[in-house]
Protein backbone atom coordinates (compact mmCIF):
# COMPACT_ATOMS: atom_id res chain seq x y z
CA MET A 1 81.26 148.81 86.70
CA GLN A 2 78.30 148.28 84.68
CA THR A 3 76.22 145.90 85.55
CA LEU A 4 74.25 143.57 82.83
CA VAL A 5 70.61 141.44 83.22
CA MET A 6 69.77 138.68 81.01
CA GLU A 7 66.63 137.36 80.63
CA LYS A 8 66.67 133.59 81.08
CA GLN A 9 67.42 132.74 77.23
CA LYS A 10 69.75 130.38 75.56
CA SER A 11 73.21 133.20 76.13
CA ASN A 12 72.24 131.62 79.91
CA LYS A 13 73.21 127.73 79.27
CA SER A 14 76.61 128.69 77.31
CA ILE A 15 77.60 131.07 79.31
CA LEU A 16 77.94 128.51 81.96
CA GLU A 17 80.05 126.36 79.69
CA LEU A 18 82.71 129.10 80.39
CA LEU A 19 83.18 127.73 83.49
CA GLU A 20 84.08 123.86 82.21
CA THR A 21 87.94 123.30 83.11
CA LEU A 22 88.29 126.71 85.53
CA GLU A 23 89.68 125.78 88.79
CA LEU A 24 87.33 126.37 92.62
CA VAL A 25 89.45 128.89 94.40
CA GLY A 26 87.85 129.67 96.86
CA ILE A 27 84.16 129.82 98.82
CA THR A 28 82.76 133.19 100.74
CA PHE A 29 79.28 131.93 103.24
CA ILE A 30 77.20 134.62 103.39
CA ARG A 31 74.26 135.02 105.31
CA GLY A 32 71.98 134.12 102.70
CA TYR A 33 73.56 132.57 100.47
CA ILE A 34 77.39 130.69 99.00
CA GLN A 35 79.87 132.65 96.95
CA PHE A 36 82.37 130.44 94.85
CA LEU A 37 85.52 132.28 93.33
CA VAL A 38 85.90 130.70 90.16
CA GLU A 39 89.63 132.15 89.11
CA GLU A 40 88.44 135.04 87.73
CA SER A 41 84.53 134.28 88.16
CA ILE A 42 82.03 134.91 90.34
CA LEU A 43 78.72 132.51 90.91
CA ASN A 44 76.67 133.07 93.62
CA THR A 45 73.94 130.84 94.64
CA TYR A 46 70.80 132.63 96.87
CA THR A 47 69.04 129.09 96.91
CA LEU A 48 71.79 126.34 98.76
CA PRO A 49 72.82 123.43 96.15
CA ARG A 50 72.68 119.88 96.99
CA LEU A 51 75.97 117.68 96.51
CA LYS A 52 75.44 115.03 94.87
CA THR A 53 78.88 112.93 95.62
CA LYS A 54 79.19 108.77 94.32
CA ASP A 55 77.77 107.77 97.38
CA LYS A 56 74.68 110.10 98.65
CA THR A 57 73.22 113.76 98.13
CA ILE A 58 73.51 116.27 100.90
CA THR A 59 71.87 119.17 102.03
CA SER A 60 72.52 122.85 103.44
CA LYS A 61 70.85 121.04 106.71
CA ASP A 62 73.09 117.75 106.71
CA PHE A 63 75.89 116.67 108.20
CA GLY A 64 79.17 117.00 106.30
CA TYR A 65 77.62 119.76 104.19
CA TYR A 66 80.01 122.55 104.39
CA ASP A 67 83.01 120.31 105.06
CA THR A 68 81.89 118.78 101.47
CA LEU A 69 81.78 121.98 99.63
CA HIS A 70 85.65 123.00 100.95
CA SER A 71 86.90 119.68 99.52
CA LEU A 72 85.86 121.12 96.28
CA ILE A 73 88.33 124.15 96.52
CA GLY A 74 91.42 123.40 94.43
CA LYS A 75 89.58 120.98 91.96
CA LYS A 76 88.41 121.82 87.87
CA ILE A 77 85.49 122.47 86.40
CA ILE A 78 84.17 118.92 83.92
CA SER A 79 81.22 120.17 83.34
CA ALA A 80 78.54 123.05 83.86
CA PHE A 81 75.01 123.28 82.09
CA GLU A 82 71.74 124.22 82.85
CA GLU A 83 68.96 121.18 83.09
CA GLU A 84 65.44 123.23 81.63
CA LYS A 85 63.21 120.29 83.07
CA GLU A 86 64.62 119.34 86.10
CA GLU A 87 64.83 123.11 86.33
CA LYS A 88 68.71 123.94 87.90
CA ILE A 89 71.76 123.78 87.09
CA ALA A 90 73.99 121.16 87.65
CA ILE A 91 77.94 121.90 88.36
CA LYS A 92 80.18 118.68 88.12
CA PHE A 93 84.12 118.78 89.59
CA GLU A 94 86.59 116.14 88.68
CA ASP A 95 86.59 114.45 91.61
CA ASP A 96 82.73 113.69 90.13
CA THR A 97 80.63 115.78 92.90
CA GLU A 98 78.19 117.78 91.63
CA LEU A 99 76.93 120.68 92.45
CA LEU A 100 72.98 121.43 92.21
CA VAL A 101 70.89 124.45 92.00
CA SER A 102 67.63 124.12 91.94
CA LEU A 103 65.43 126.72 89.84
CA LYS A 104 62.35 126.05 90.83
CA SER A 105 59.85 128.79 92.20
CA GLU A 106 59.09 126.76 95.08
CA ASP A 107 63.05 126.89 96.26
CA ARG A 108 64.03 129.83 95.92
CA ASN A 109 65.09 132.10 98.99
CA CYS A 110 64.17 135.43 96.28
CA VAL A 111 63.60 136.16 93.03
CA GLU A 112 67.13 135.11 91.83
CA ALA A 113 68.55 131.50 92.07
CA VAL A 114 71.88 132.10 91.35
CA MET A 115 74.11 135.72 89.68
CA LEU A 116 77.24 134.08 87.28
CA GLN A 117 80.15 136.91 86.08
CA VAL A 118 82.20 135.08 84.01
CA GLU A 119 84.86 138.39 84.19
CA THR A 120 86.08 140.81 86.86
CA ASN A 121 85.02 143.46 84.50
CA GLY A 122 81.32 141.58 83.30
CA GLY A 123 78.81 141.78 83.67
CA TRP A 124 76.10 139.49 85.54
CA ASN A 125 73.81 136.71 84.37
CA ILE A 126 70.66 136.33 86.36
CA TRP A 127 68.72 133.05 86.79
């Protein structure tokens, strides 16, 4: 498999839109990051995401974080984009829950905050 590393540029913005209308089919919790399986795509978040629901914002340290993540399995993504001013990636699901991943350097656990592969034979897009 050939790996494609992309610099942060406009193509990363539009690549996120390819997740729209797709269903989250699984989540794998790995030490240090979370892997989201979105039909034929893989989204790794090395910066642990925050979850914004109708009532509150939940972080990985909050009670109910993993249950809320798990509840997203089977839901379709209605929007996915990078907010450059706020330095984050936002993915909104059909139940209005938002997955928010900070791209700020002070929030990162490693060089990469997010990696996305939109096809099983495709390259990785890195933020």
